[in-house]
Amino acid sequence: MRSAPTILHLDMDAFYASAEQAAKPSLRGKPVVVGGLGPRGVVATASYEARRFGVHSAMPTAQARRLAPNAAYLVPRFTLYRTVSDQVMGLLGQLSPLVEPLSLDEAFVDLEAGGTADDTASARAIGEQLRDAIRAVTGLTGSVGLAGSKMLAKIASEEAKPNGLLVIEPGTERDLLAPMSVRILPGVGPATGDHLRRAGMTTVDDLATAGEAELVRLLGKAHGVALHRMALGYDDRPVVAERDAKSVSVEDTFDMDLHDRVRVRTEVERLADRCVQRLRAAERSGRTVVLKVRRYDFSTLTRSETLRGPTDDPTVVREAAARLLEAVDTTGGVRLLGVGVTGLADYTQEDLFAQAAGERAAPEVPAQEEQDAGGHGDEPADGAQEQETAEQLAARRWPAGHDVCHDTYGHGWVQGSGVGRVTVRFEEPESPPGRVRTFRVDDPELQPADPLPLVRDPVDYSSWPARLPKSRSGPGSSGGESRP
């Protein structure tokens, strides 16, 4: 445990939804829900305006629509989110060599290792400057927590939301944690929380008072000891710069169960190709191919095959996944399919059988990640495409919220599609709210487009933090606070 709050935790505020609001002037200040829009879609992120209606992440989109029927429902744009995340992580990397990303919108930073802070005053100054820098470079806001440990820094950033900064002074940890719910501690999910509640423990102070022996009796030695230490405010986990991925995988949940065995195999092969795209993007190869099948009754089967050596050959992965599928009974229907690769390595040992087969080259498909939030998949192969309605095909080509460009009207985004039409609002991140126009789904003047930068001329922070301007007043720079 440190004597100064030099571990920083950054959590971007409602990241996906905030990025969409920044990109779309007409949605600012309005409820926005990002996620899968199909019957089985799930909310990835909800704006704070939508949260007032009770919408939250991991909620079925159908339930969210009942709670907030007038919200804007958008399919995720991971290309935009990754671009913004790279900008934010770049700023963090200039603070310290020890940056531990947890996701696209969340990371720990060891300020002491970077020599940028060694006491409360300097840590607070860096936290405020970081929030200013993020706003200037991306147009978005983030909440910052500062403490002497990772656990408390994360708790601080959560307490600071939205768009705030909170410093937890070392030595005050136990008093701060005591009245909080046990669910605030890492490793306490719904099941563990319910188990503790039945034992009469609902607050962190209850855990600390119960003692280590009682928690070990209830939860087992490893979990019980760790939870008691955290209840007392102890957490000596270091910030780890390299979080090496153990696997790469993709999966799709389908709006309607798949019954046609040929269609199921087509989807597995398509997922294998997408998985290899991610594998190659990470400059990795893998040795074990994993197939995941969730059937109509929600039962989930997992099958794996270990190859003779690591590979990133799409043909090898595709054929291995197809072999695994042969051993799975899909009678009754399939609602979810997934393909993954584990046993990752930094090199590739090509499969000799694939080479002997004539080095068949599989066409590479663009990596689309809307399915991670429960959305539709990519366009299927020709044989499967005939089974889809024109409405489904239109939804695939014109996902709600995605960028388009019209030869006459310029850049815009899809508000929705149906009955052979697509409705587009023409506006850009730094323009006033734009006009809405409707076109045929096959209008030759309308094409999909790449996202525009959220900030056209971002401030140059290449010298950050040495010459970073002092924290200024205005949006995105509200003062921080300290606890106790």
Protein backbone atom coordinates (compact mmCIF):
# COMPACT_ATOMS: atom_id res chain seq x y z
CA MET A 1 0.00 0.00 0.00
CA ARG A 2 1.32 3.42 -0.97
CA SER A 3 1.63 6.52 1.16
CA ALA A 4 0.48 8.76 -1.71
CA PRO A 5 -2.50 8.45 -4.13
CA THR A 6 -0.31 7.79 -7.18
CA ILE A 7 -2.39 5.07 -8.84
CA LEU A 8 -4.86 6.59 -11.28
CA HIS A 9 -7.93 4.93 -12.71
CA LEU A 10 -9.61 6.47 -15.75
CA ASP A 11 -13.11 5.48 -16.82
CA MET A 12 -14.63 7.25 -19.80
CA ASP A 13 -18.22 8.34 -19.18
CA ALA A 14 -20.85 6.23 -20.99
CA PHE A 15 -18.19 5.79 -23.66
CA TYR A 16 -20.04 4.39 -26.69
CA ALA A 17 -23.12 6.54 -26.14
CA SER A 18 -21.07 9.68 -25.46
CA ALA A 19 -19.06 9.12 -28.63
CA GLU A 20 -22.30 8.82 -30.60
CA GLN A 21 -23.64 12.03 -29.07
CA ALA A 22 -20.39 13.84 -29.87
CA ALA A 23 -20.60 12.62 -33.48
CA LYS A 24 -24.30 13.43 -33.90
CA PRO A 25 -25.31 16.97 -32.84
CA SER A 26 -29.01 16.14 -33.01
CA LEU A 27 -28.60 13.52 -30.21
CA ARG A 28 -26.84 15.69 -27.65
CA GLY A 29 -28.78 15.89 -24.41
CA LYS A 30 -31.13 13.11 -25.55
CA PRO A 31 -31.35 9.45 -24.48
CA VAL A 32 -29.10 7.22 -26.59
CA VAL A 33 -28.79 3.43 -26.36
CA VAL A 34 -25.99 1.56 -28.14
CA GLY A 35 -26.19 -2.20 -28.63
CA GLY A 36 -27.74 -4.98 -30.65
CA LEU A 37 -31.08 -4.01 -32.17
CA GLY A 38 -32.42 -7.46 -33.04
CA PRO A 39 -34.98 -9.39 -30.96
CA ARG A 40 -32.12 -10.85 -28.93
CA GLY A 41 -30.00 -7.72 -28.83
CA VAL A 42 -28.36 -6.51 -25.62
CA VAL A 43 -27.55 -2.96 -24.47
CA ALA A 44 -23.80 -2.22 -24.59
CA THR A 45 -23.98 1.33 -23.23
CA ALA A 46 -26.73 3.80 -22.37
CA SER A 47 -26.27 7.57 -22.13
CA TYR A 48 -26.96 9.22 -18.79
CA GLU A 49 -30.20 10.60 -20.24
CA ALA A 50 -31.32 7.02 -21.00
CA ARG A 51 -30.23 5.77 -17.58
CA ARG A 52 -32.80 8.05 -15.97
CA PHE A 53 -35.43 5.73 -17.49
CA GLY A 54 -33.79 2.68 -15.92
CA VAL A 55 -31.85 1.53 -19.01
CA HIS A 56 -28.45 -0.01 -18.26
CA SER A 57 -25.79 -2.13 -19.93
CA ALA A 58 -26.39 -5.89 -20.35
CA MET A 59 -30.17 -5.25 -20.39
CA PRO A 60 -32.10 -6.83 -23.30
CA THR A 61 -32.73 -4.17 -25.92
CA ALA A 62 -36.41 -5.14 -26.05
CA GLN A 63 -36.73 -4.26 -22.35
CA ALA A 64 -34.85 -0.99 -22.90
CA ARG A 65 -37.30 -0.04 -25.65
CA ARG A 66 -40.19 -0.50 -23.24
CA LEU A 67 -38.51 1.71 -20.64
CA ALA A 68 -37.31 4.40 -23.07
CA PRO A 69 -39.34 4.11 -26.30
CA ASN A 70 -38.23 7.53 -27.56
CA ALA A 71 -34.49 6.96 -27.17
CA ALA A 72 -32.19 6.69 -30.18
CA TYR A 73 -31.16 3.05 -30.65
CA LEU A 74 -27.86 2.64 -32.50
CA VAL A 75 -25.66 -0.24 -33.63
CA PRO A 76 -22.08 0.07 -32.25
CA ARG A 77 -19.34 1.60 -34.42
CA PHE A 78 -16.20 -0.06 -33.09
CA THR A 79 -13.98 1.59 -35.68
CA LEU A 80 -14.78 4.97 -34.11
CA TYR A 81 -14.53 3.72 -30.52
CA ARG A 82 -11.11 2.15 -31.12
CA THR A 83 -9.81 5.33 -32.73
CA VAL A 84 -10.88 7.41 -29.72
CA SER A 85 -9.53 4.77 -27.33
CA ASP A 86 -6.14 4.89 -29.05
CA GLN A 87 -6.07 8.67 -28.56
CA VAL A 88 -6.86 8.33 -24.86
CA MET A 89 -4.39 5.50 -24.28
CA GLY A 90 -1.76 7.59 -26.07
CA LEU A 91 -2.26 10.36 -23.51
CA LEU A 92 -1.99 7.88 -20.66
CA GLY A 93 1.17 6.41 -22.12
CA GLN A 94 2.84 9.81 -21.89
CA LEU A 95 2.17 9.85 -18.14
CA SER A 96 3.83 6.55 -17.31
CA PRO A 97 5.31 3.42 -18.86
CA LEU A 98 2.95 1.43 -16.65
CA VAL A 99 -0.52 1.70 -18.20
CA GLU A 100 -2.87 -1.25 -17.74
CA PRO A 101 -5.83 -1.07 -20.14
CA LEU A 102 -8.90 -2.95 -18.94
CA SER A 103 -11.06 -2.21 -21.99
CA LEU A 104 -11.42 0.41 -24.71
CA ASP A 105 -12.56 3.00 -22.17
CA GLU A 106 -10.85 2.08 -18.91
CA ALA A 107 -7.26 1.86 -17.63
CA PHE A 108 -4.98 2.06 -14.61
CA VAL A 109 -1.86 4.27 -14.61
CA ASP A 110 1.07 4.14 -12.17
CA LEU A 111 1.98 7.84 -11.88
CA GLU A 112 4.85 7.12 -9.51
CA ALA A 113 6.54 4.86 -12.08
CA GLY A 114 6.28 7.65 -14.64
CA GLY A 115 7.75 10.26 -12.29
CA THR A 116 4.74 12.50 -12.87
CA ALA A 117 3.36 12.45 -9.31
CA ASP A 118 4.69 11.62 -5.87
CA ASP A 119 2.18 13.22 -3.50
CA THR A 120 -1.47 14.22 -3.29
CA ALA A 121 -1.05 17.66 -4.83
CA SER A 122 0.90 16.48 -7.88
CA ALA A 123 -1.42 13.49 -8.41
CA ARG A 124 -4.49 15.73 -8.30
CA ALA A 125 -2.88 18.18 -10.75
CA ILE A 126 -2.12 15.38 -13.21
CA GLY A 127 -5.66 14.03 -12.87
CA GLU A 128 -7.19 17.42 -13.67
CA GLN A 129 -4.81 17.98 -16.58
CA LEU A 130 -5.61 14.53 -17.94
CA ARG A 131 -9.34 15.30 -17.98
CA ASP A 132 -8.64 18.57 -19.81
CA ALA A 133 -6.42 16.78 -22.32
CA ILE A 134 -9.02 14.09 -23.03
CA ARG A 135 -11.69 16.73 -23.61
CA ALA A 136 -9.43 18.73 -25.94
CA VAL A 137 -8.29 15.72 -27.99
CA THR A 138 -11.49 13.64 -28.17
CA GLY A 139 -14.35 15.94 -27.20
CA LEU A 140 -15.43 13.42 -24.54
CA THR A 141 -15.26 13.33 -20.75
CA GLY A 142 -13.78 10.82 -18.37
CA SER A 143 -13.86 10.31 -14.61
CA VAL A 144 -10.63 9.95 -12.66
CA GLY A 145 -9.97 8.18 -9.39
CA LEU A 146 -6.69 8.52 -7.47
CA ALA A 147 -5.66 6.34 -4.54
CA GLY A 148 -2.85 4.25 -3.12
CA SER A 149 -4.16 1.00 -4.65
CA LYS A 150 -5.90 -0.21 -7.78
CA MET A 151 -9.05 -1.26 -5.94
CA LEU A 152 -9.53 2.12 -4.32
CA ALA A 153 -8.62 4.07 -7.45
CA LYS A 154 -11.36 2.21 -9.34
CA ILE A 155 -13.86 2.81 -6.54
CA ALA A 156 -12.90 6.50 -6.58
CA SER A 157 -13.51 6.89 -10.31
CA GLU A 158 -16.90 5.21 -9.95
CA GLU A 159 -17.83 7.58 -7.12
CA ALA A 160 -16.63 10.55 -9.23
CA LYS A 161 -18.94 9.79 -12.16
CA PRO A 162 -19.92 11.47 -14.31
CA ASN A 163 -17.11 13.81 -15.38
CA GLY A 164 -15.40 14.19 -12.02
CA LEU A 165 -12.24 13.51 -10.06
CA LEU A 166 -11.95 11.96 -6.60
CA VAL A 167 -8.82 11.50 -4.48
CA ILE A 168 -8.84 8.93 -1.69
CA GLU A 169 -6.14 9.82 0.81
CA PRO A 170 -4.09 6.82 2.00
CA GLY A 171 -5.02 5.99 5.58
CA THR A 172 -8.73 6.72 5.11
CA GLU A 173 -9.54 3.53 3.22
CA ARG A 174 -11.38 1.62 5.93
CA ASP A 175 -13.62 4.49 7.00
CA LEU A 176 -14.51 5.13 3.37
CA LEU A 177 -15.29 1.50 2.54
CA ALA A 178 -17.17 0.61 5.75
CA PRO A 179 -20.70 1.74 4.76
CA MET A 180 -20.43 0.63 1.12
CA SER A 181 -22.18 -2.44 -0.29
CA VAL A 182 -20.14 -5.64 -0.49
CA ARG A 183 -20.74 -5.52 -4.26
CA ILE A 184 -18.25 -2.63 -4.52
CA LEU A 185 -15.36 -5.05 -3.91
CA PRO A 186 -13.68 -6.89 -6.82
CA GLY A 187 -14.80 -10.50 -7.11
CA VAL A 188 -18.18 -9.98 -5.42
CA GLY A 189 -20.78 -10.60 -8.09
CA PRO A 190 -24.51 -11.29 -7.78
CA ALA A 191 -24.04 -14.90 -6.59
CA THR A 192 -21.37 -14.13 -3.97
CA GLY A 193 -23.26 -11.02 -2.88
CA ASP A 194 -26.44 -13.06 -2.35
CA HIS A 195 -24.48 -15.72 -0.44
CA LEU A 196 -23.04 -13.05 1.87
CA ARG A 197 -26.45 -11.41 2.30
CA ARG A 198 -27.94 -14.68 3.49
CA ALA A 199 -25.12 -14.80 6.05
CA GLY A 200 -26.09 -11.32 7.24
CA MET A 201 -23.27 -9.41 5.53
CA THR A 202 -24.34 -6.56 3.28
CA THR A 203 -21.71 -3.86 3.88
CA VAL A 204 -17.92 -3.87 3.68
CA ASP A 205 -17.79 -3.20 7.41
CA ASP A 206 -19.76 -6.42 7.96
CA LEU A 207 -17.01 -8.33 6.15
CA ALA A 208 -14.23 -6.66 8.11
CA THR A 209 -16.02 -7.35 11.41
CA ALA A 210 -16.79 -10.97 10.56
CA GLY A 211 -13.10 -11.77 10.35
CA GLU A 212 -10.99 -13.83 8.01
CA ALA A 213 -11.90 -17.22 9.48
CA GLU A 214 -15.63 -16.70 8.93
CA LEU A 215 -15.14 -15.57 5.34
CA VAL A 216 -12.90 -18.56 4.65
CA ARG A 217 -15.62 -20.83 6.04
CA LEU A 218 -18.23 -19.23 3.78
CA LEU A 219 -16.23 -18.73 0.58
CA GLY A 220 -13.18 -20.94 0.74
CA LYS A 221 -9.59 -20.11 1.62
CA ALA A 222 -8.41 -18.14 -1.45
CA HIS A 223 -11.56 -16.05 -1.88
CA GLY A 224 -12.18 -15.59 1.82
CA VAL A 225 -8.65 -14.38 2.62
CA ALA A 226 -8.58 -12.01 -0.36
CA LEU A 227 -12.02 -10.57 0.44
CA HIS A 228 -11.13 -9.91 4.06
CA ARG A 229 -7.97 -8.06 3.05
CA MET A 230 -9.93 -5.91 0.60
CA ALA A 231 -12.57 -5.18 3.24
CA LEU A 232 -9.77 -3.74 5.38
CA GLY A 233 -8.61 -1.63 2.44
CA TYR A 234 -5.54 -3.71 1.54
CA ASP A 235 -4.70 -4.22 -2.12
CA ASP A 236 -1.08 -4.55 -3.24
CA ARG A 237 -1.70 -5.58 -6.87
CA PRO A 238 0.73 -3.75 -9.17
CA VAL A 239 -0.21 -1.91 -12.34
CA VAL A 240 0.81 -4.30 -15.13
CA ALA A 241 1.64 -2.76 -18.49
CA GLU A 242 1.28 -5.93 -20.56
CA ARG A 243 -2.04 -7.73 -20.28
CA ASP A 244 -1.31 -10.56 -22.67
CA ALA A 245 -4.41 -11.91 -24.39
CA LYS A 246 -4.96 -15.62 -23.78
CA SER A 247 -7.42 -16.10 -26.62
CA VAL A 248 -9.07 -14.46 -29.60
CA SER A 249 -12.71 -15.19 -30.38
CA VAL A 250 -15.85 -13.94 -32.10
CA GLU A 251 -19.48 -14.95 -31.72
CA ASP A 252 -22.90 -14.09 -33.09
CA THR A 253 -26.36 -14.32 -31.55
CA PHE A 254 -29.00 -14.81 -34.24
CA ASP A 255 -32.39 -13.10 -34.27
CA MET A 256 -34.02 -16.42 -35.17
CA ASP A 257 -32.74 -19.92 -34.41
CA LEU A 258 -30.81 -21.50 -37.27
CA HIS A 259 -32.20 -24.88 -38.31
CA ASP A 260 -30.57 -25.43 -41.70
CA ARG A 261 -27.35 -27.41 -41.18
CA VAL A 262 -25.80 -25.83 -44.29
CA ARG A 263 -26.52 -22.34 -42.96
CA VAL A 264 -25.00 -23.27 -39.60
CA ARG A 265 -21.80 -24.45 -41.29
CA THR A 266 -21.69 -21.30 -43.43
CA GLU A 267 -21.92 -19.14 -40.31
CA VAL A 268 -19.18 -21.15 -38.56
CA GLU A 269 -16.85 -20.68 -41.53
CA ARG A 270 -17.61 -16.94 -41.63
CA LEU A 271 -16.87 -16.65 -37.90
CA ALA A 272 -13.60 -18.54 -38.38
CA ASP A 273 -12.55 -16.01 -41.03
CA ARG A 274 -13.39 -13.10 -38.72
CA CYS A 275 -11.51 -14.75 -35.87
CA VAL A 276 -8.40 -15.05 -38.04
CA GLN A 277 -8.70 -11.37 -38.97
CA ARG A 278 -8.53 -10.45 -35.28
CA LEU A 279 -5.71 -12.91 -34.74
CA ARG A 280 -3.66 -11.34 -37.53
CA ALA A 281 -4.49 -7.82 -36.38
CA ALA A 282 -2.94 -8.74 -33.02
CA GLU A 283 0.06 -10.25 -34.84
CA ARG A 284 -0.52 -13.57 -33.11
CA SER A 285 -1.12 -17.18 -34.04
CA GLY A 286 -2.84 -19.92 -32.08
CA ARG A 287 -2.69 -23.63 -31.55
CA THR A 288 -6.17 -24.60 -30.34
CA VAL A 289 -9.43 -23.91 -32.23
CA VAL A 290 -12.59 -23.67 -30.09
CA LEU A 291 -16.20 -23.91 -31.26
CA LYS A 292 -19.07 -22.63 -29.11
CA VAL A 293 -22.68 -23.57 -29.84
CA ARG A 294 -25.69 -22.36 -27.84
CA ARG A 295 -28.78 -24.33 -28.74
CA TYR A 296 -32.47 -23.45 -28.78
CA ASP A 297 -32.88 -24.51 -25.14
CA PHE A 298 -29.97 -22.28 -23.98
CA SER A 299 -27.70 -25.28 -23.41
CA THR A 300 -24.15 -24.37 -24.47
CA LEU A 301 -21.65 -26.83 -25.92
CA THR A 302 -17.93 -26.15 -26.36
CA ARG A 303 -15.61 -28.28 -28.49
CA SER A 304 -11.90 -27.79 -29.17
CA GLU A 305 -9.16 -29.21 -31.36
CA THR A 306 -5.44 -28.70 -30.79
CA LEU A 307 -3.31 -28.42 -33.92
CA ARG A 308 0.26 -29.61 -34.35
CA GLY A 309 1.52 -26.04 -34.09
CA PRO A 310 0.37 -22.40 -33.97
CA THR A 311 -1.28 -21.03 -37.11
CA ASP A 312 -3.03 -17.96 -38.47
CA ASP A 313 -4.09 -19.68 -41.69
CA PRO A 314 -7.83 -19.04 -42.30
CA THR A 315 -8.21 -22.35 -44.12
CA VAL A 316 -6.77 -24.30 -41.19
CA VAL A 317 -9.00 -22.56 -38.64
CA ARG A 318 -12.07 -22.81 -40.85
CA GLU A 319 -11.63 -26.53 -41.48
CA ALA A 320 -10.92 -27.25 -37.82
CA ALA A 321 -14.09 -25.40 -36.79
CA ALA A 322 -16.08 -27.33 -39.40
CA ARG A 323 -14.75 -30.63 -38.05
CA LEU A 324 -15.77 -29.62 -34.55
CA LEU A 325 -19.25 -28.77 -35.78
CA GLU A 326 -19.69 -32.30 -37.14
CA ALA A 327 -19.54 -33.58 -33.54
CA VAL A 328 -22.32 -31.25 -32.33
CA ASP A 329 -26.03 -32.02 -32.50
CA THR A 330 -27.81 -28.89 -33.78
CA THR A 331 -31.23 -30.53 -33.99
CA GLY A 332 -33.87 -28.15 -32.69
CA GLY A 333 -32.03 -24.97 -33.68
CA VAL A 334 -28.99 -22.85 -32.85
CA ARG A 335 -29.25 -19.38 -31.31
CA LEU A 336 -25.52 -18.55 -30.93
CA LEU A 337 -22.28 -19.62 -32.59
CA GLY A 338 -18.72 -18.70 -31.69
CA VAL A 339 -15.23 -19.54 -32.96
CA GLY A 340 -12.07 -18.85 -30.99
CA VAL A 341 -8.36 -19.59 -30.97
CA THR A 342 -6.35 -20.19 -27.79
CA GLY A 343 -2.77 -21.17 -27.04
CA LEU A 344 -1.53 -17.93 -28.60
CA ALA A 345 2.02 -17.43 -29.83
CA ASP A 346 3.98 -14.63 -31.47
CA TYR A 347 4.94 -16.76 -34.44
CA THR A 348 3.20 -18.94 -37.01
CA GLN A 349 3.97 -22.55 -37.78
CA GLU A 350 2.12 -23.21 -41.02
CA ASP A 351 0.00 -26.33 -41.27
CA LEU A 352 1.59 -28.70 -43.75
CA PHE A 353 -1.71 -30.25 -44.79
CA ALA A 354 -3.11 -26.83 -45.67
CA GLN A 355 -0.05 -26.14 -47.83
CA ALA A 356 -0.35 -29.53 -49.51
CA ALA A 357 -3.96 -28.76 -50.36
CA GLY A 358 -2.77 -26.03 -52.69
CA GLU A 359 -2.59 -23.19 -50.18
CA ARG A 360 -6.24 -22.41 -50.69
CA ALA A 361 -6.68 -18.71 -49.94
CA ALA A 362 -9.87 -17.81 -48.13
CA PRO A 363 -11.28 -14.37 -48.94
CA GLU A 364 -10.70 -12.03 -46.05
CA VAL A 365 -13.77 -10.33 -44.63
CA PRO A 366 -13.82 -7.01 -42.81
CA ALA A 367 -13.81 -7.43 -39.05
CA GLN A 368 -17.22 -6.24 -37.86
CA GLU A 369 -17.85 -6.33 -34.13
CA GLU A 370 -21.45 -5.27 -33.77
CA GLN A 371 -22.18 -8.83 -32.68
CA ASP A 372 -20.19 -8.34 -29.45
CA ALA A 373 -23.12 -6.24 -28.30
CA GLY A 374 -25.72 -8.70 -29.59
CA GLY A 375 -26.32 -7.36 -33.08
CA HIS A 376 -26.56 -8.91 -36.53
CA GLY A 377 -23.70 -10.67 -38.25
CA ASP A 378 -21.99 -9.92 -41.56
CA GLU A 379 -23.76 -10.64 -44.83
CA PRO A 380 -23.96 -14.41 -45.31
CA ALA A 381 -22.77 -16.30 -48.35
CA ASP A 382 -24.99 -16.35 -51.44
CA GLY A 383 -26.69 -19.62 -50.57
CA ALA A 384 -27.74 -18.37 -47.13
CA GLN A 385 -28.59 -14.89 -48.33
CA GLU A 386 -31.63 -16.17 -50.20
CA GLN A 387 -33.17 -17.18 -46.90
CA GLU A 388 -33.19 -13.62 -45.59
CA THR A 389 -35.82 -11.00 -46.17
CA ALA A 390 -35.17 -7.71 -47.93
CA GLU A 391 -35.68 -5.99 -44.59
CA GLN A 392 -32.92 -8.01 -42.94
CA LEU A 393 -30.56 -7.31 -45.81
CA ALA A 394 -31.32 -3.59 -45.62
CA ALA A 395 -30.62 -3.62 -41.87
CA ARG A 396 -27.28 -5.27 -42.54
CA ARG A 397 -26.23 -2.74 -45.15
CA TRP A 398 -27.67 0.30 -43.36
CA PRO A 399 -27.24 -0.30 -39.58
CA ALA A 400 -28.86 2.39 -37.44
CA GLY A 401 -26.29 5.00 -36.44
CA HIS A 402 -23.66 4.08 -39.02
CA ASP A 403 -22.03 6.59 -41.35
CA VAL A 404 -23.03 7.23 -44.95
CA CYS A 405 -22.09 9.66 -47.67
CA HIS A 406 -24.41 11.02 -50.38
CA ASP A 407 -23.11 12.50 -53.61
CA THR A 408 -25.31 15.57 -53.19
CA TYR A 409 -25.90 15.99 -49.45
CA GLY A 410 -22.55 14.87 -48.04
CA HIS A 411 -21.89 13.03 -44.78
CA GLY A 412 -24.67 11.72 -42.56
CA TRP A 413 -25.82 8.79 -40.47
CA VAL A 414 -28.59 6.21 -40.73
CA GLN A 415 -31.64 6.87 -38.55
CA GLY A 416 -33.37 3.73 -39.71
CA SER A 417 -34.37 1.56 -42.64
CA GLY A 418 -37.47 -0.34 -43.68
CA VAL A 419 -40.01 -0.91 -46.45
CA GLY A 420 -37.25 -0.52 -49.02
CA ARG A 421 -36.22 2.90 -47.68
CA VAL A 422 -33.37 4.27 -45.59
CA THR A 423 -33.67 7.49 -43.57
CA VAL A 424 -30.53 9.58 -43.14
CA ARG A 425 -29.75 12.65 -41.05
CA PHE A 426 -27.05 14.78 -42.67
CA GLU A 427 -24.79 16.33 -40.03
CA GLU A 428 -21.20 16.23 -38.82
CA PRO A 429 -19.65 16.38 -35.32
CA GLU A 430 -19.03 20.14 -35.46
CA SER A 431 -22.10 21.13 -37.50
CA PRO A 432 -25.54 22.20 -36.25
CA PRO A 433 -28.23 19.48 -36.09
CA GLY A 434 -28.88 18.41 -39.68
CA ARG A 435 -31.86 17.70 -41.91
CA VAL A 436 -33.42 14.29 -42.44
CA ARG A 437 -33.95 12.79 -45.90
CA THR A 438 -35.23 9.42 -47.10
CA PHE A 439 -33.86 7.35 -50.00
CA ARG A 440 -34.37 3.99 -51.61
CA VAL A 441 -32.11 1.37 -50.04
CA ASP A 442 -30.43 0.87 -53.42
CA ASP A 443 -29.93 4.57 -54.24
CA PRO A 444 -26.63 4.65 -56.21
CA GLU A 445 -25.71 8.06 -54.75
CA LEU A 446 -25.77 6.74 -51.16
CA GLN A 447 -22.81 4.72 -49.87
CA PRO A 448 -21.50 3.55 -46.48
CA ALA A 449 -18.71 5.79 -45.13
CA ASP A 450 -16.02 5.86 -42.45
CA PRO A 451 -16.63 7.78 -39.19
CA LEU A 452 -15.45 11.38 -39.05
CA PRO A 453 -13.10 12.55 -36.24
CA LEU A 454 -15.01 13.83 -33.23
CA VAL A 455 -12.67 16.84 -32.98
CA ARG A 456 -11.57 18.32 -36.30
CA ASP A 457 -8.48 20.15 -34.99
CA PRO A 458 -7.51 18.57 -31.66
CA VAL A 459 -5.03 20.30 -29.37
CA ASP A 460 -1.48 18.98 -29.73
CA TYR A 461 -0.51 17.23 -26.50
CA SER A 462 2.67 15.63 -27.82
CA SER A 463 4.67 17.35 -25.07
CA TRP A 464 2.26 16.36 -22.33
CA PRO A 465 2.57 16.59 -19.39
CA ALA A 466 5.62 18.88 -19.30
CA ARG A 467 4.00 21.85 -21.04
CA LEU A 468 0.38 20.99 -20.43
CA PRO A 469 -1.77 24.09 -19.76
CA LYS A 470 -3.10 24.50 -16.25
CA SER A 471 -6.56 23.16 -15.53
CA ARG A 472 -9.15 25.56 -16.91
CA SER A 473 -12.76 26.23 -16.10
CA GLY A 474 -15.58 25.27 -18.40
CA PRO A 475 -17.19 22.02 -19.59
CA GLY A 476 -15.22 18.93 -18.72
CA SER A 477 -13.05 20.55 -16.05
CA SER A 478 -15.07 20.63 -12.86
CA GLY A 479 -12.98 20.62 -9.71
CA GLY A 480 -12.00 17.42 -8.00
CA GLU A 481 -12.53 16.43 -4.40
CA SER A 482 -10.78 14.39 -1.77
CA ARG A 483 -12.04 11.77 0.64
CA PRO A 484 -12.32 11.48 3.62
